[in-house]
């Protein structure tokens, strides 16, 4: 949930399945309406034909009292519905809040455009996963990125016979090049392999590593869903 400030009054934007919802109780307070919340929201929803499931959803809440508790109904409304309610209030607070929600929508469009420019959300998440994996090698004095990508590729590969990840010690043996001055030890690679898999499991994205004809590896910063054991 993102909590923003509108004239000192918090207006919560709750995201569910990519849809932003506004708590109508908090909106009512920010609009400085003179009506009781229950009457205000009921009248607005009925009079202006808001559609449940499209313009708003109802949420049951437990309200604590000095003795016992009672259940109340809150309504989460879309940003479009919130703009309309703010306009209907016809006061300075309503106009200010309507401009605020217009600003949210503009920022959302700009963010969506940026994601498209970067290749989409999957691309961004894949890049982030790869960045976390590369940090595992950050303390090395020097790095051969071909070898690093080779390690990542094999760490995320599975045996064609068992369908299980290749054992970390086998990954280490396969990628080592004895005699190199900057060679990584087998024990270091064996420690890195499960960390690579942990990051992939946490992020749900697998950085795509490709081997070129000359034997070099490179990152294809496109994502797929994480492969599970």
C-alpha atoms as a PDB file:
ATOM      1  CA  UNK A   1       0.000   0.000   0.000  1.00  0.00           C
ATOM      2  CA  UNK A   2       1.264   3.471  -0.861  1.00  0.00           C
ATOM      3  CA  UNK A   3       0.291   6.231   1.555  1.00  0.00           C
ATOM      4  CA  UNK A   4       0.475   9.749   0.199  1.00  0.00           C
ATOM      5  CA  UNK A   5      -0.408  13.076   1.787  1.00  0.00           C
ATOM      6  CA  UNK A   6      -3.149  15.393   0.612  1.00  0.00           C
ATOM      7  CA  UNK A   7      -3.205  18.570   2.698  1.00  0.00           C
ATOM      8  CA  UNK A   8      -1.901  16.604   5.686  1.00  0.00           C
ATOM      9  CA  UNK A   9      -4.632  13.955   5.443  1.00  0.00           C
ATOM     10  CA  UNK A  10      -3.386  10.486   4.442  1.00  0.00           C
ATOM     11  CA  UNK A  11      -5.068   9.067   1.348  1.00  0.00           C
ATOM     12  CA  UNK A  12      -4.189   5.392   0.909  1.00  0.00           C
ATOM     13  CA  UNK A  13      -3.862   3.864  -2.530  1.00  0.00           C
ATOM     14  CA  UNK A  14      -4.131   0.095  -2.234  1.00  0.00           C
ATOM     15  CA  UNK A  15      -3.129  -1.970  -5.252  1.00  0.00           C
ATOM     16  CA  UNK A  16      -4.911  -5.237  -5.953  1.00  0.00           C
ATOM     17  CA  UNK A  17      -4.126  -7.118  -9.155  1.00  0.00           C
ATOM     18  CA  UNK A  18      -2.702  -3.947 -10.655  1.00  0.00           C
ATOM     19  CA  UNK A  19      -5.787  -1.849  -9.831  1.00  0.00           C
ATOM     20  CA  UNK A  20      -5.455   1.144  -7.522  1.00  0.00           C
ATOM     21  CA  UNK A  21      -8.184   1.510  -4.870  1.00  0.00           C
ATOM     22  CA  UNK A  22      -8.907   4.449  -2.564  1.00  0.00           C
ATOM     23  CA  UNK A  23     -10.307   4.025   0.928  1.00  0.00           C
ATOM     24  CA  UNK A  24     -13.556   6.016   0.742  1.00  0.00           C
ATOM     25  CA  UNK A  25     -13.576   6.622   4.507  1.00  0.00           C
ATOM     26  CA  UNK A  26     -10.239   8.420   4.268  1.00  0.00           C
ATOM     27  CA  UNK A  27     -11.418  10.269   1.165  1.00  0.00           C
ATOM     28  CA  UNK A  28     -14.541  11.423   3.027  1.00  0.00           C
ATOM     29  CA  UNK A  29     -12.360  12.839   5.805  1.00  0.00           C
ATOM     30  CA  UNK A  30     -10.034  14.584   3.334  1.00  0.00           C
ATOM     31  CA  UNK A  31     -13.015  16.115   1.500  1.00  0.00           C
ATOM     32  CA  UNK A  32     -14.128  17.794   4.751  1.00  0.00           C
ATOM     33  CA  UNK A  33     -17.721  16.693   4.192  1.00  0.00           C
ATOM     34  CA  UNK A  34     -20.218  17.717   6.846  1.00  0.00           C
ATOM     35  CA  UNK A  35     -22.160  14.451   6.518  1.00  0.00           C
ATOM     36  CA  UNK A  36     -21.652  11.273   8.480  1.00  0.00           C
ATOM     37  CA  UNK A  37     -19.493   8.857   6.497  1.00  0.00           C
ATOM     38  CA  UNK A  38     -22.069   6.046   6.353  1.00  0.00           C
ATOM     39  CA  UNK A  39     -24.778   8.366   5.006  1.00  0.00           C
ATOM     40  CA  UNK A  40     -22.401  10.141   2.633  1.00  0.00           C
ATOM     41  CA  UNK A  41     -21.003   7.038   0.944  1.00  0.00           C
ATOM     42  CA  UNK A  42     -24.379   5.294   0.703  1.00  0.00           C
ATOM     43  CA  UNK A  43     -26.030   8.332  -0.890  1.00  0.00           C
ATOM     44  CA  UNK A  44     -23.196   8.907  -3.327  1.00  0.00           C
ATOM     45  CA  UNK A  45     -22.997   5.289  -4.479  1.00  0.00           C
ATOM     46  CA  UNK A  46     -26.752   4.997  -4.990  1.00  0.00           C
ATOM     47  CA  UNK A  47     -27.485   8.435  -6.437  1.00  0.00           C
ATOM     48  CA  UNK A  48     -24.732   8.397  -9.037  1.00  0.00           C
ATOM     49  CA  UNK A  49     -25.090   4.761 -10.101  1.00  0.00           C
ATOM     50  CA  UNK A  50     -21.660   3.513  -9.120  1.00  0.00           C
ATOM     51  CA  UNK A  51     -21.316  -0.180  -9.962  1.00  0.00           C
ATOM     52  CA  UNK A  52     -20.051  -2.642  -7.364  1.00  0.00           C
ATOM     53  CA  UNK A  53     -17.096  -4.652  -8.610  1.00  0.00           C
ATOM     54  CA  UNK A  54     -16.351  -2.023 -11.250  1.00  0.00           C
ATOM     55  CA  UNK A  55     -16.321   1.336  -9.457  1.00  0.00           C
ATOM     56  CA  UNK A  56     -16.044   0.069  -5.890  1.00  0.00           C
ATOM     57  CA  UNK A  57     -15.748  -3.002  -3.687  1.00  0.00           C
ATOM     58  CA  UNK A  58     -17.026  -3.448  -0.136  1.00  0.00           C
ATOM     59  CA  UNK A  59     -14.763  -4.618   2.689  1.00  0.00           C
ATOM     60  CA  UNK A  60     -15.906  -5.815   6.116  1.00  0.00           C
ATOM     61  CA  UNK A  61     -13.878  -4.548   9.075  1.00  0.00           C
ATOM     62  CA  UNK A  62     -13.907  -5.302  12.801  1.00  0.00           C
ATOM     63  CA  UNK A  63     -14.191  -2.098  14.852  1.00  0.00           C
ATOM     64  CA  UNK A  64     -12.861  -2.289  18.411  1.00  0.00           C
ATOM     65  CA  UNK A  65     -14.959  -0.676  21.111  1.00  0.00           C
ATOM     66  CA  UNK A  66     -14.658  -0.333  24.879  1.00  0.00           C
ATOM     67  CA  UNK A  67     -16.895  -3.356  25.273  1.00  0.00           C
ATOM     68  CA  UNK A  68     -16.679  -5.984  22.540  1.00  0.00           C
ATOM     69  CA  UNK A  69     -16.417  -5.235  18.864  1.00  0.00           C
ATOM     70  CA  UNK A  70     -18.671  -4.576  15.914  1.00  0.00           C
ATOM     71  CA  UNK A  71     -18.348  -5.045  12.167  1.00  0.00           C
ATOM     72  CA  UNK A  72     -18.526  -2.149   9.756  1.00  0.00           C
ATOM     73  CA  UNK A  73     -18.436  -1.863   5.988  1.00  0.00           C
ATOM     74  CA  UNK A  74     -15.794   0.179   4.219  1.00  0.00           C
ATOM     75  CA  UNK A  75     -15.763   0.846   0.500  1.00  0.00           C
ATOM     76  CA  UNK A  76     -12.684   0.866  -1.682  1.00  0.00           C
ATOM     77  CA  UNK A  77     -13.243   2.935  -4.812  1.00  0.00           C
ATOM     78  CA  UNK A  78     -11.294   3.337  -8.040  1.00  0.00           C
ATOM     79  CA  UNK A  79      -9.260   6.453  -8.708  1.00  0.00           C
ATOM     80  CA  UNK A  80     -11.809   7.472 -11.376  1.00  0.00           C
ATOM     81  CA  UNK A  81     -14.631   7.126  -8.845  1.00  0.00           C
ATOM     82  CA  UNK A  82     -12.616   9.089  -6.285  1.00  0.00           C
ATOM     83  CA  UNK A  83     -12.123  11.919  -8.799  1.00  0.00           C
ATOM     84  CA  UNK A  84     -15.870  12.012  -9.456  1.00  0.00           C
ATOM     85  CA  UNK A  85     -16.714  12.082  -5.741  1.00  0.00           C
ATOM     86  CA  UNK A  86     -14.191  14.863  -5.202  1.00  0.00           C
ATOM     87  CA  UNK A  87     -15.750  16.896  -8.033  1.00  0.00           C
ATOM     88  CA  UNK A  88     -19.277  16.321  -6.657  1.00  0.00           C
ATOM     89  CA  UNK A  89     -18.252  17.744  -3.283  1.00  0.00           C
ATOM     90  CA  UNK A  90     -17.866  21.127  -5.019  1.00  0.00           C
ATOM     91  CA  UNK A  91     -15.504  22.688  -2.488  1.00  0.00           C
ATOM     92  CA  UNK A  92     -11.831  23.669  -2.353  1.00  0.00           C
ATOM     93  CA  UNK A  93     -10.836  20.346  -0.760  1.00  0.00           C
ATOM     94  CA  UNK A  94     -12.641  18.439  -3.506  1.00  0.00           C
ATOM     95  CA  UNK A  95     -10.957  20.396  -6.288  1.00  0.00           C
ATOM     96  CA  UNK A  96      -7.553  20.014  -4.655  1.00  0.00           C
ATOM     97  CA  UNK A  97      -7.985  16.246  -4.195  1.00  0.00           C
ATOM     98  CA  UNK A  98      -9.272  15.808  -7.747  1.00  0.00           C
ATOM     99  CA  UNK A  99      -6.099  17.464  -9.058  1.00  0.00           C
ATOM    100  CA  UNK A 100      -4.105  15.183  -6.764  1.00  0.00           C
ATOM    101  CA  UNK A 101      -5.665  12.039  -8.294  1.00  0.00           C
ATOM    102  CA  UNK A 102      -5.127  13.402 -11.786  1.00  0.00           C
ATOM    103  CA  UNK A 103      -1.452  13.723 -10.818  1.00  0.00           C
ATOM    104  CA  UNK A 104      -1.389  10.086  -9.678  1.00  0.00           C
ATOM    105  CA  UNK A 105      -2.798   8.950 -13.011  1.00  0.00           C
ATOM    106  CA  UNK A 106      -0.264  11.037 -14.930  1.00  0.00           C
ATOM    107  CA  UNK A 107       2.591   9.569 -12.888  1.00  0.00           C
ATOM    108  CA  UNK A 108       1.224   6.047 -13.471  1.00  0.00           C
ATOM    109  CA  UNK A 109       1.104   6.608 -17.238  1.00  0.00           C
ATOM    110  CA  UNK A 110       4.659   7.941 -17.233  1.00  0.00           C
ATOM    111  CA  UNK A 111       5.839   4.946 -15.195  1.00  0.00           C
ATOM    112  CA  UNK A 112       4.068   2.520 -17.543  1.00  0.00           C
ATOM    113  CA  UNK A 113       5.717   4.229 -20.528  1.00  0.00           C
ATOM    114  CA  UNK A 114       9.106   3.916 -18.832  1.00  0.00           C
ATOM    115  CA  UNK A 115       8.546   0.209 -18.245  1.00  0.00           C
ATOM    116  CA  UNK A 116       7.659  -0.235 -21.919  1.00  0.00           C
ATOM    117  CA  UNK A 117      10.803   1.665 -22.895  1.00  0.00           C
ATOM    118  CA  UNK A 118      12.883  -0.673 -20.717  1.00  0.00           C
ATOM    119  CA  UNK A 119      11.259  -3.737 -22.254  1.00  0.00           C
ATOM    120  CA  UNK A 120       8.414  -4.325 -19.824  1.00  0.00           C
ATOM    121  CA  UNK A 121       8.153  -5.353 -16.182  1.00  0.00           C
ATOM    122  CA  UNK A 122       9.563  -8.831 -16.844  1.00  0.00           C
ATOM    123  CA  UNK A 123      12.655  -7.287 -18.387  1.00  0.00           C
ATOM    124  CA  UNK A 124      13.143  -4.977 -15.399  1.00  0.00           C
ATOM    125  CA  UNK A 125      12.711  -7.852 -12.915  1.00  0.00           C
ATOM    126  CA  UNK A 126      15.108 -10.057 -14.886  1.00  0.00           C
ATOM    127  CA  UNK A 127      17.720  -7.298 -14.916  1.00  0.00           C
ATOM    128  CA  UNK A 128      17.261  -6.820 -11.156  1.00  0.00           C
ATOM    129  CA  UNK A 129      17.693 -10.564 -10.548  1.00  0.00           C
ATOM    130  CA  UNK A 130      20.861 -10.616 -12.649  1.00  0.00           C
ATOM    131  CA  UNK A 131      22.224  -7.582 -10.779  1.00  0.00           C
ATOM    132  CA  UNK A 132      21.701  -9.360  -7.434  1.00  0.00           C
ATOM    133  CA  UNK A 133      23.450 -12.461  -8.771  1.00  0.00           C
ATOM    134  CA  UNK A 134      26.427 -10.460 -10.070  1.00  0.00           C
ATOM    135  CA  UNK A 135      26.829  -8.895  -6.618  1.00  0.00           C
ATOM    136  CA  UNK A 136      27.744 -12.368  -5.352  1.00  0.00           C
ATOM    137  CA  UNK A 137      30.996 -11.991  -7.301  1.00  0.00           C
ATOM    138  CA  UNK A 138      31.617  -8.380  -6.213  1.00  0.00           C
ATOM    139  CA  UNK A 139      34.519  -9.194  -3.878  1.00  0.00           C
ATOM    140  CA  UNK A 140      36.622 -10.833  -6.584  1.00  0.00           C
ATOM    141  CA  UNK A 141      39.685  -8.824  -7.536  1.00  0.00           C
ATOM    142  CA  UNK A 142      39.123  -9.523 -11.211  1.00  0.00           C
ATOM    143  CA  UNK A 143      36.342 -11.204 -13.128  1.00  0.00           C
ATOM    144  CA  UNK A 144      36.052 -13.038 -16.408  1.00  0.00           C
ATOM    145  CA  UNK A 145      32.418 -12.343 -17.290  1.00  0.00           C
ATOM    146  CA  UNK A 146      32.413 -15.291 -19.676  1.00  0.00           C
ATOM    147  CA  UNK A 147      33.151 -17.584 -16.738  1.00  0.00           C
ATOM    148  CA  UNK A 148      30.624 -15.805 -14.504  1.00  0.00           C
ATOM    149  CA  UNK A 149      27.856 -16.246 -17.073  1.00  0.00           C
ATOM    150  CA  UNK A 150      28.942 -19.868 -17.547  1.00  0.00           C
ATOM    151  CA  UNK A 151      28.467 -20.437 -13.801  1.00  0.00           C
ATOM    152  CA  UNK A 152      25.026 -18.784 -13.848  1.00  0.00           C
ATOM    153  CA  UNK A 153      23.967 -20.815 -16.885  1.00  0.00           C
ATOM    154  CA  UNK A 154      24.984 -24.151 -15.359  1.00  0.00           C
ATOM    155  CA  UNK A 155      23.658 -23.230 -11.892  1.00  0.00           C
ATOM    156  CA  UNK A 156      20.195 -22.785 -13.421  1.00  0.00           C
ATOM    157  CA  UNK A 157      20.370 -25.828 -15.681  1.00  0.00           C
ATOM    158  CA  UNK A 158      18.767 -29.166 -14.865  1.00  0.00           C
ATOM    159  CA  UNK A 159      19.746 -32.696 -15.681  1.00  0.00           C
ATOM    160  CA  UNK A 160      17.916 -34.147 -18.689  1.00  0.00           C
ATOM    161  CA  UNK A 161      17.784 -37.486 -16.859  1.00  0.00           C
ATOM    162  CA  UNK A 162      16.562 -36.500 -13.384  1.00  0.00           C
ATOM    163  CA  UNK A 163      14.988 -33.077 -13.995  1.00  0.00           C
ATOM    164  CA  UNK A 164      16.907 -31.817 -10.942  1.00  0.00           C
ATOM    165  CA  UNK A 165      19.427 -29.002 -10.760  1.00  0.00           C
ATOM    166  CA  UNK A 166      22.985 -30.024 -11.577  1.00  0.00           C
ATOM    167  CA  UNK A 167      24.931 -30.581  -8.356  1.00  0.00           C
ATOM    168  CA  UNK A 168      26.943 -27.561  -7.253  1.00  0.00           C
ATOM    169  CA  UNK A 169      30.205 -29.534  -7.181  1.00  0.00           C
ATOM    170  CA  UNK A 170      29.626 -30.634 -10.790  1.00  0.00           C
ATOM    171  CA  UNK A 171      29.005 -27.010 -11.814  1.00  0.00           C
ATOM    172  CA  UNK A 172      32.283 -26.037 -10.156  1.00  0.00           C
ATOM    173  CA  UNK A 173      34.231 -28.758 -11.925  1.00  0.00           C
ATOM    174  CA  UNK A 174      32.699 -27.929 -15.304  1.00  0.00           C
ATOM    175  CA  UNK A 175      33.536 -24.207 -15.273  1.00  0.00           C
ATOM    176  CA  UNK A 176      36.992 -24.216 -13.677  1.00  0.00           C
ATOM    177  CA  UNK A 177      40.004 -23.503 -15.833  1.00  0.00           C
ATOM    178  CA  UNK A 178      43.062 -24.645 -13.832  1.00  0.00           C
ATOM    179  CA  UNK A 179      46.168 -22.562 -14.302  1.00  0.00           C
ATOM    180  CA  UNK A 180      44.420 -19.207 -14.578  1.00  0.00           C
ATOM    181  CA  UNK A 181      45.810 -16.576 -12.205  1.00  0.00           C
ATOM    182  CA  UNK A 182      42.323 -15.312 -11.318  1.00  0.00           C
ATOM    183  CA  UNK A 183      40.750 -18.778 -11.216  1.00  0.00           C
ATOM    184  CA  UNK A 184      37.837 -19.209  -8.791  1.00  0.00           C
ATOM    185  CA  UNK A 185      38.172 -22.081  -6.372  1.00  0.00           C
ATOM    186  CA  UNK A 186      35.760 -25.004  -6.481  1.00  0.00           C
ATOM    187  CA  UNK A 187      34.665 -24.248  -2.918  1.00  0.00           C
ATOM    188  CA  UNK A 188      33.831 -20.637  -3.868  1.00  0.00           C
ATOM    189  CA  UNK A 189      31.742 -21.745  -6.855  1.00  0.00           C
ATOM    190  CA  UNK A 190      29.975 -24.394  -4.767  1.00  0.00           C
ATOM    191  CA  UNK A 191      28.963 -21.671  -2.282  1.00  0.00           C
ATOM    192  CA  UNK A 192      27.768 -19.339  -5.057  1.00  0.00           C
ATOM    193  CA  UNK A 193      25.561 -21.874  -6.898  1.00  0.00           C
ATOM    194  CA  UNK A 194      22.867 -22.261  -4.174  1.00  0.00           C
ATOM    195  CA  UNK A 195      22.846 -18.482  -3.694  1.00  0.00           C
ATOM    196  CA  UNK A 196      22.122 -18.008  -7.405  1.00  0.00           C
ATOM    197  CA  UNK A 197      19.220 -20.447  -7.135  1.00  0.00           C
ATOM    198  CA  UNK A 198      17.916 -18.733  -4.001  1.00  0.00           C
ATOM    199  CA  UNK A 199      17.800 -15.351  -5.774  1.00  0.00           C
ATOM    200  CA  UNK A 200      15.932 -16.870  -8.716  1.00  0.00           C
ATOM    201  CA  UNK A 201      13.427 -18.508  -6.344  1.00  0.00           C
ATOM    202  CA  UNK A 202      12.877 -15.212  -4.508  1.00  0.00           C
ATOM    203  CA  UNK A 203      12.474 -13.049  -7.621  1.00  0.00           C
ATOM    204  CA  UNK A 204      10.585 -15.562  -9.753  1.00  0.00           C
ATOM    205  CA  UNK A 205      12.686 -14.617 -12.787  1.00  0.00           C
ATOM    206  CA  UNK A 206      15.540 -16.380 -14.569  1.00  0.00           C
ATOM    207  CA  UNK A 207      18.126 -14.215 -16.339  1.00  0.00           C
ATOM    208  CA  UNK A 208      18.628 -15.744 -19.765  1.00  0.00           C
ATOM    209  CA  UNK A 209      22.259 -16.623 -20.487  1.00  0.00           C
ATOM    210  CA  UNK A 210      23.245 -17.648 -24.042  1.00  0.00           C
ATOM    211  CA  UNK A 211      26.393 -19.272 -25.368  1.00  0.00           C
ATOM    212  CA  UNK A 212      27.693 -17.854 -28.628  1.00  0.00           C
ATOM    213  CA  UNK A 213      29.361 -19.792 -31.439  1.00  0.00           C
ATOM    214  CA  UNK A 214      32.831 -18.745 -30.268  1.00  0.00           C
ATOM    215  CA  UNK A 215      32.148 -20.204 -26.823  1.00  0.00           C
ATOM    216  CA  UNK A 216      31.565 -16.882 -25.090  1.00  0.00           C
ATOM    217  CA  UNK A 217      28.535 -16.298 -22.895  1.00  0.00           C
ATOM    218  CA  UNK A 218      26.370 -13.237 -22.715  1.00  0.00           C
ATOM    219  CA  UNK A 219      23.280 -12.168 -20.790  1.00  0.00           C
ATOM    220  CA  UNK A 220      20.130 -11.837 -22.878  1.00  0.00           C
ATOM    221  CA  UNK A 221      18.290  -9.515 -20.539  1.00  0.00           C
ATOM    222  CA  UNK A 222      14.930 -11.101 -21.241  1.00  0.00           C
ATOM    223  CA  UNK A 223      13.106 -12.997 -18.542  1.00  0.00           C
ATOM    224  CA  UNK A 224      11.236 -16.218 -18.203  1.00  0.00           C
ATOM    225  CA  UNK A 225       9.354 -17.454 -15.196  1.00  0.00           C
ATOM    226  CA  UNK A 226      11.522 -19.209 -12.681  1.00  0.00           C
ATOM    227  CA  UNK A 227      12.108 -22.869 -13.230  1.00  0.00           C
ATOM    228  CA  UNK A 228      11.248 -24.824 -10.082  1.00  0.00           C
ATOM    229  CA  UNK A 229      12.791 -27.985  -8.773  1.00  0.00           C
END
